[in-house]
Amino acid sequence: MSVQIPDKALFRVDEVAALCAVHPDTVRRWTKEGKLASLILPKGRIRVAREALVALLAAEPDGDGSIKFLGGR
């Protein structure tokens, strides 16, 4: 399964979750655990840089662009 990442600089938590087929709470947990680099904006909003998302997908052990191995943990 390959993920097509839109060409934009920053992604909201719900956008990352949709791309990775996980719940938004999972994305929030990844940011808190340091698995996914993020920016914290005023009012606590989280944004993920495209480069951080690409790095997360590249770290996937099967190398197929999916991150199902991270989902649900």
PDB file of N, CA and C in Angstrom:
ATOM      1  N   MET A   1       0.844  -1.176   0.000  1.00  0.00           N
ATOM      2  CA  MET A   1       0.000   0.000   0.000  1.00  0.00           C
ATOM      3  C   MET A   1       0.884   1.232   0.000  1.00  0.00           C
ATOM      4  N   SER A   2       0.674   2.113  -0.918  1.00  0.00           N
ATOM      5  CA  SER A   2       1.461   3.330  -1.029  1.00  0.00           C
ATOM      6  C   SER A   2       0.607   4.536  -0.659  1.00  0.00           C
ATOM      7  N   VAL A   3       1.223   5.481   0.041  1.00  0.00           N
ATOM      8  CA  VAL A   3       0.519   6.683   0.473  1.00  0.00           C
ATOM      9  C   VAL A   3       0.989   7.853  -0.367  1.00  0.00           C
ATOM     10  N   GLN A   4       0.058   8.582  -0.971  1.00  0.00           N
ATOM     11  CA  GLN A   4       0.368   9.791  -1.710  1.00  0.00           C
ATOM     12  C   GLN A   4       0.231  10.967  -0.750  1.00  0.00           C
ATOM     13  N   ILE A   5       1.345  11.648  -0.476  1.00  0.00           N
ATOM     14  CA  ILE A   5       1.322  12.772   0.450  1.00  0.00           C
ATOM     15  C   ILE A   5       1.106  14.053  -0.341  1.00  0.00           C
ATOM     16  N   PRO A   6       0.050  14.789  -0.013  1.00  0.00           N
ATOM     17  CA  PRO A   6      -0.196  16.061  -0.716  1.00  0.00           C
ATOM     18  C   PRO A   6       0.985  17.016  -0.589  1.00  0.00           C
ATOM     19  N   ASP A   7       1.119  17.879  -1.567  1.00  0.00           N
ATOM     20  CA  ASP A   7       2.231  18.833  -1.587  1.00  0.00           C
ATOM     21  C   ASP A   7       1.841  20.080  -0.797  1.00  0.00           C
ATOM     22  N   LYS A   8       1.989  20.002   0.520  1.00  0.00           N
ATOM     23  CA  LYS A   8       1.752  21.148   1.381  1.00  0.00           C
ATOM     24  C   LYS A   8       2.745  21.087   2.525  1.00  0.00           C
ATOM     25  N   ALA A   9       3.008  22.218   3.168  1.00  0.00           N
ATOM     26  CA  ALA A   9       4.062  22.298   4.177  1.00  0.00           C
ATOM     27  C   ALA A   9       3.660  21.703   5.520  1.00  0.00           C
ATOM     28  N   LEU A  10       2.455  22.005   5.986  1.00  0.00           N
ATOM     29  CA  LEU A  10       2.017  21.565   7.305  1.00  0.00           C
ATOM     30  C   LEU A  10       0.680  20.832   7.231  1.00  0.00           C
ATOM     31  N   PHE A  11       0.544  19.828   8.087  1.00  0.00           N
ATOM     32  CA  PHE A  11      -0.671  19.023   8.122  1.00  0.00           C
ATOM     33  C   PHE A  11      -1.286  19.073   9.515  1.00  0.00           C
ATOM     34  N   ARG A  12      -2.614  19.096   9.569  1.00  0.00           N
ATOM     35  CA  ARG A  12      -3.327  18.990  10.833  1.00  0.00           C
ATOM     36  C   ARG A  12      -3.319  17.526  11.281  1.00  0.00           C
ATOM     37  N   VAL A  13      -3.611  17.314  12.553  1.00  0.00           N
ATOM     38  CA  VAL A  13      -3.651  15.957  13.108  1.00  0.00           C
ATOM     39  C   VAL A  13      -4.636  15.081  12.340  1.00  0.00           C
ATOM     40  N   ASP A  14      -5.812  15.609  12.036  1.00  0.00           N
ATOM     41  CA  ASP A  14      -6.805  14.789  11.326  1.00  0.00           C
ATOM     42  C   ASP A  14      -6.342  14.426   9.919  1.00  0.00           C
ATOM     43  N   GLU A  15      -5.582  15.303   9.285  1.00  0.00           N
ATOM     44  CA  GLU A  15      -5.062  14.996   7.947  1.00  0.00           C
ATOM     45  C   GLU A  15      -4.018  13.889   8.015  1.00  0.00           C
ATOM     46  N   VAL A  16      -3.128  13.961   9.000  1.00  0.00           N
ATOM     47  CA  VAL A  16      -2.118  12.917   9.172  1.00  0.00           C
ATOM     48  C   VAL A  16      -2.802  11.587   9.476  1.00  0.00           C
ATOM     49  N   ALA A  17      -3.793  11.627  10.346  1.00  0.00           N
ATOM     50  CA  ALA A  17      -4.522  10.400  10.697  1.00  0.00           C
ATOM     51  C   ALA A  17      -5.170   9.769   9.470  1.00  0.00           C
ATOM     52  N   ALA A  18      -5.774  10.590   8.637  1.00  0.00           N
ATOM     53  CA  ALA A  18      -6.417  10.063   7.421  1.00  0.00           C
ATOM     54  C   ALA A  18      -5.388   9.438   6.484  1.00  0.00           C
ATOM     55  N   LEU A  19      -4.253  10.099   6.311  1.00  0.00           N
ATOM     56  CA  LEU A  19      -3.203   9.578   5.431  1.00  0.00           C
ATOM     57  C   LEU A  19      -2.619   8.265   5.957  1.00  0.00           C
ATOM     58  N   CYS A  20      -2.562   8.142   7.275  1.00  0.00           N
ATOM     59  CA  CYS A  20      -1.952   6.971   7.892  1.00  0.00           C
ATOM     60  C   CYS A  20      -2.963   5.901   8.290  1.00  0.00           C
ATOM     61  N   ALA A  21      -4.235   6.183   8.068  1.00  0.00           N
ATOM     62  CA  ALA A  21      -5.319   5.243   8.403  1.00  0.00           C
ATOM     63  C   ALA A  21      -5.310   4.869   9.878  1.00  0.00           C
ATOM     64  N   VAL A  22      -5.159   5.896  10.721  1.00  0.00           N
ATOM     65  CA  VAL A  22      -5.214   5.697  12.166  1.00  0.00           C
ATOM     66  C   VAL A  22      -6.131   6.757  12.772  1.00  0.00           C
ATOM     67  N   HIS A  23      -6.443   6.616  14.031  1.00  0.00           N
ATOM     68  CA  HIS A  23      -7.275   7.586  14.744  1.00  0.00           C
ATOM     69  C   HIS A  23      -6.432   8.825  15.074  1.00  0.00           C
ATOM     70  N   PRO A  24      -7.027  10.004  15.081  1.00  0.00           N
ATOM     71  CA  PRO A  24      -6.279  11.215  15.445  1.00  0.00           C
ATOM     72  C   PRO A  24      -5.588  11.127  16.808  1.00  0.00           C
ATOM     73  N   ASP A  25      -6.181  10.389  17.751  1.00  0.00           N
ATOM     74  CA  ASP A  25      -5.519  10.220  19.051  1.00  0.00           C
ATOM     75  C   ASP A  25      -4.193   9.479  18.918  1.00  0.00           C
ATOM     76  N   THR A  26      -4.106   8.584  17.949  1.00  0.00           N
ATOM     77  CA  THR A  26      -2.857   7.871  17.697  1.00  0.00           C
ATOM     78  C   THR A  26      -1.793   8.845  17.224  1.00  0.00           C
ATOM     79  N   VAL A  27      -2.151   9.761  16.347  1.00  0.00           N
ATOM     80  CA  VAL A  27      -1.201  10.762  15.860  1.00  0.00           C
ATOM     81  C   VAL A  27      -0.747  11.645  17.021  1.00  0.00           C
ATOM     82  N   ARG A  28      -1.675  12.060  17.868  1.00  0.00           N
ATOM     83  CA  ARG A  28      -1.310  12.870  19.043  1.00  0.00           C
ATOM     84  C   ARG A  28      -0.333  12.112  19.942  1.00  0.00           C
ATOM     85  N   ARG A  29      -0.584  10.816  20.128  1.00  0.00           N
ATOM     86  CA  ARG A  29       0.308  10.000  20.951  1.00  0.00           C
ATOM     87  C   ARG A  29       1.696   9.908  20.327  1.00  0.00           C
ATOM     88  N   TRP A  30       1.753   9.724  18.994  1.00  0.00           N
ATOM     89  CA  TRP A  30       3.059   9.679  18.322  1.00  0.00           C
ATOM     90  C   TRP A  30       3.836  10.959  18.556  1.00  0.00           C
ATOM     91  N   THR A  31       3.138  12.112  18.523  1.00  0.00           N
ATOM     92  CA  THR A  31       3.843  13.384  18.732  1.00  0.00           C
ATOM     93  C   THR A  31       4.345  13.481  20.164  1.00  0.00           C
ATOM     94  N   LYS A  32       3.535  13.041  21.126  1.00  0.00           N
ATOM     95  CA  LYS A  32       3.948  13.083  22.537  1.00  0.00           C
ATOM     96  C   LYS A  32       5.103  12.127  22.813  1.00  0.00           C
ATOM     97  N   GLU A  33       5.104  10.980  22.154  1.00  0.00           N
ATOM     98  CA  GLU A  33       6.156   9.972  22.357  1.00  0.00           C
ATOM     99  C   GLU A  33       7.415  10.269  21.554  1.00  0.00           C
ATOM    100  N   GLY A  34       7.361  11.275  20.677  1.00  0.00           N
ATOM    101  CA  GLY A  34       8.525  11.622  19.867  1.00  0.00           C
ATOM    102  C   GLY A  34       8.681  10.788  18.606  1.00  0.00           C
ATOM    103  N   LYS A  35       7.694   9.975  18.274  1.00  0.00           N
ATOM    104  CA  LYS A  35       7.748   9.182  17.039  1.00  0.00           C
ATOM    105  C   LYS A  35       7.497  10.040  15.803  1.00  0.00           C
ATOM    106  N   LEU A  36       6.836  11.187  16.027  1.00  0.00           N
ATOM    107  CA  LEU A  36       6.484  12.075  14.928  1.00  0.00           C
ATOM    108  C   LEU A  36       6.746  13.512  15.371  1.00  0.00           C
ATOM    109  N   ALA A  37       7.689  14.166  14.710  1.00  0.00           N
ATOM    110  CA  ALA A  37       8.019  15.553  15.050  1.00  0.00           C
ATOM    111  C   ALA A  37       6.835  16.455  14.711  1.00  0.00           C
ATOM    112  N   SER A  38       6.593  17.436  15.571  1.00  0.00           N
ATOM    113  CA  SER A  38       5.454  18.319  15.347  1.00  0.00           C
ATOM    114  C   SER A  38       5.750  19.717  15.861  1.00  0.00           C
ATOM    115  N   LEU A  39       4.885  20.630  15.471  1.00  0.00           N
ATOM    116  CA  LEU A  39       4.917  22.002  15.947  1.00  0.00           C
ATOM    117  C   LEU A  39       3.667  22.215  16.780  1.00  0.00           C
ATOM    118  N   ILE A  40       3.808  22.920  17.881  1.00  0.00           N
ATOM    119  CA  ILE A  40       2.650  23.261  18.698  1.00  0.00           C
ATOM    120  C   ILE A  40       2.355  24.732  18.473  1.00  0.00           C
ATOM    121  N   LEU A  41       1.187  25.011  17.942  1.00  0.00           N
ATOM    122  CA  LEU A  41       0.770  26.376  17.650  1.00  0.00           C
ATOM    123  C   LEU A  41       0.029  26.956  18.854  1.00  0.00           C
ATOM    124  N   PRO A  42      -0.247  28.263  18.817  1.00  0.00           N
ATOM    125  CA  PRO A  42      -1.038  28.851  19.894  1.00  0.00           C
ATOM    126  C   PRO A  42      -2.350  28.066  20.071  1.00  0.00           C
ATOM    127  N   LYS A  43      -2.825  28.050  21.281  1.00  0.00           N
ATOM    128  CA  LYS A  43      -4.030  27.309  21.667  1.00  0.00           C
ATOM    129  C   LYS A  43      -3.819  25.803  21.617  1.00  0.00           C
ATOM    130  N   GLY A  44      -2.562  25.353  21.545  1.00  0.00           N
ATOM    131  CA  GLY A  44      -2.250  23.929  21.610  1.00  0.00           C
ATOM    132  C   GLY A  44      -2.477  23.133  20.349  1.00  0.00           C
ATOM    133  N   ARG A  45      -2.736  23.794  19.261  1.00  0.00           N
ATOM    134  CA  ARG A  45      -2.957  23.072  18.003  1.00  0.00           C
ATOM    135  C   ARG A  45      -1.648  22.469  17.510  1.00  0.00           C
ATOM    136  N   ILE A  46      -1.746  21.247  17.010  1.00  0.00           N
ATOM    137  CA  ILE A  46      -0.570  20.515  16.545  1.00  0.00           C
ATOM    138  C   ILE A  46      -0.533  20.537  15.030  1.00  0.00           C
ATOM    139  N   ARG A  47       0.654  20.769  14.493  1.00  0.00           N
ATOM    140  CA  ARG A  47       0.872  20.678  13.053  1.00  0.00           C
ATOM    141  C   ARG A  47       2.102  19.808  12.811  1.00  0.00           C
ATOM    142  N   VAL A  48       2.050  19.041  11.749  1.00  0.00           N
ATOM    143  CA  VAL A  48       3.144  18.143  11.380  1.00  0.00           C
ATOM    144  C   VAL A  48       3.700  18.595  10.046  1.00  0.00           C
ATOM    145  N   ALA A  49       4.997  18.824   9.997  1.00  0.00           N
ATOM    146  CA  ALA A  49       5.648  19.223   8.748  1.00  0.00           C
ATOM    147  C   ALA A  49       5.668  18.041   7.783  1.00  0.00           C
ATOM    148  N   ARG A  50       5.579  18.358   6.507  1.00  0.00           N
ATOM    149  CA  ARG A  50       5.599  17.320   5.473  1.00  0.00           C
ATOM    150  C   ARG A  50       6.836  16.434   5.614  1.00  0.00           C
ATOM    151  N   GLU A  51       7.967  17.039   5.912  1.00  0.00           N
ATOM    152  CA  GLU A  51       9.218  16.286   6.045  1.00  0.00           C
ATOM    153  C   GLU A  51       9.132  15.263   7.185  1.00  0.00           C
ATOM    154  N   ALA A  52       8.470  15.634   8.283  1.00  0.00           N
ATOM    155  CA  ALA A  52       8.315  14.703   9.409  1.00  0.00           C
ATOM    156  C   ALA A  52       7.412  13.540   9.021  1.00  0.00           C
ATOM    157  N   LEU A  53       6.370  13.827   8.262  1.00  0.00           N
ATOM    158  CA  LEU A  53       5.464  12.774   7.802  1.00  0.00           C
ATOM    159  C   LEU A  53       6.183  11.829   6.840  1.00  0.00           C
ATOM    160  N   VAL A  54       6.959  12.385   5.940  1.00  0.00           N
ATOM    161  CA  VAL A  54       7.742  11.566   4.999  1.00  0.00           C
ATOM    162  C   VAL A  54       8.725  10.688   5.765  1.00  0.00           C
ATOM    163  N   ALA A  55       9.379  11.262   6.784  1.00  0.00           N
ATOM    164  CA  ALA A  55      10.339  10.495   7.584  1.00  0.00           C
ATOM    165  C   ALA A  55       9.658   9.348   8.316  1.00  0.00           C
ATOM    166  N   LEU A  56       8.470   9.587   8.842  1.00  0.00           N
ATOM    167  CA  LEU A  56       7.715   8.535   9.524  1.00  0.00           C
ATOM    168  C   LEU A  56       7.391   7.400   8.560  1.00  0.00           C
ATOM    169  N   LEU A  57       6.909   7.745   7.384  1.00  0.00           N
ATOM    170  CA  LEU A  57       6.564   6.723   6.395  1.00  0.00           C
ATOM    171  C   LEU A  57       7.804   5.982   5.896  1.00  0.00           C
ATOM    172  N   ALA A  58       8.929   6.685   5.770  1.00  0.00           N
ATOM    173  CA  ALA A  58      10.161   6.053   5.295  1.00  0.00           C
ATOM    174  C   ALA A  58      10.719   5.074   6.329  1.00  0.00           C
ATOM    175  N   ALA A  59      10.410   5.294   7.602  1.00  0.00           N
ATOM    176  CA  ALA A  59      10.917   4.431   8.664  1.00  0.00           C
ATOM    177  C   ALA A  59      10.154   3.119   8.769  1.00  0.00           C
ATOM    178  N   GLU A  60       9.084   2.991   8.003  1.00  0.00           N
ATOM    179  CA  GLU A  60       8.240   1.801   8.042  1.00  0.00           C
ATOM    180  C   GLU A  60       9.062   0.592   7.587  1.00  0.00           C
ATOM    181  N   PRO A  61       9.059  -0.505   8.380  1.00  0.00           N
ATOM    182  CA  PRO A  61       9.937  -1.642   8.089  1.00  0.00           C
ATOM    183  C   PRO A  61       9.703  -2.349   6.759  1.00  0.00           C
ATOM    184  N   ASP A  62       8.472  -2.377   6.263  1.00  0.00           N
ATOM    185  CA  ASP A  62       8.231  -3.052   4.983  1.00  0.00           C
ATOM    186  C   ASP A  62       8.645  -2.196   3.804  1.00  0.00           C
ATOM    187  N   GLY A  63       8.835  -0.895   4.050  1.00  0.00           N
ATOM    188  CA  GLY A  63       9.254  -0.001   2.985  1.00  0.00           C
ATOM    189  C   GLY A  63       8.195   0.217   1.925  1.00  0.00           C
ATOM    190  N   ASP A  64       6.928  -0.085   2.248  1.00  0.00           N
ATOM    191  CA  ASP A  64       5.887   0.072   1.226  1.00  0.00           C
ATOM    192  C   ASP A  64       5.071   1.344   1.400  1.00  0.00           C
ATOM    193  N   GLY A  65       5.471   2.209   2.332  1.00  0.00           N
ATOM    194  CA  GLY A  65       4.778   3.476   2.495  1.00  0.00           C
ATOM    195  C   GLY A  65       3.582   3.435   3.428  1.00  0.00           C
ATOM    196  N   SER A  66       3.269   2.271   3.964  1.00  0.00           N
ATOM    197  CA  SER A  66       2.168   2.203   4.925  1.00  0.00           C
ATOM    198  C   SER A  66       2.768   2.234   6.332  1.00  0.00           C
ATOM    199  N   ILE A  67       1.959   2.611   7.295  1.00  0.00           N
ATOM    200  CA  ILE A  67       2.467   2.608   8.660  1.00  0.00           C
ATOM    201  C   ILE A  67       1.532   1.823   9.571  1.00  0.00           C
ATOM    202  N   LYS A  68       0.911   0.825   9.015  1.00  0.00           N
ATOM    203  CA  LYS A  68      -0.035   0.030   9.789  1.00  0.00           C
ATOM    204  C   LYS A  68       0.640  -0.606  11.006  1.00  0.00           C
ATOM    205  N   PHE A  69       1.955  -0.792  10.969  1.00  0.00           N
ATOM    206  CA  PHE A  69       2.647  -1.374  12.102  1.00  0.00           C
ATOM    207  C   PHE A  69       2.600  -0.448  13.311  1.00  0.00           C
ATOM    208  N   LEU A  70       2.417   0.851  13.123  1.00  0.00           N
ATOM    209  CA  LEU A  70       2.338   1.788  14.231  1.00  0.00           C
ATOM    210  C   LEU A  70       0.913   1.950  14.746  1.00  0.00           C
ATOM    211  N   GLY A  71      -0.066   1.746  13.887  1.00  0.00           N
ATOM    212  CA  GLY A  71      -1.452   1.962  14.280  1.00  0.00           C
ATOM    213  C   GLY A  71      -1.882   1.024  15.385  1.00  0.00           C
ATOM    214  N   GLY A  72      -2.643   1.580  16.325  1.00  0.00           N
ATOM    215  CA  GLY A  72      -3.193   0.783  17.388  1.00  0.00           C
ATOM    216  C   GLY A  72      -2.237   0.460  18.517  1.00  0.00           C
ATOM    217  N   ARG A  73      -1.059   1.012  18.494  1.00  0.00           N
ATOM    218  CA  ARG A  73      -0.129   0.781  19.594  1.00  0.00           C
ATOM    219  C   ARG A  73      -0.103   1.948  20.509  1.00  0.00           C
TER     220      ARG A  73
END
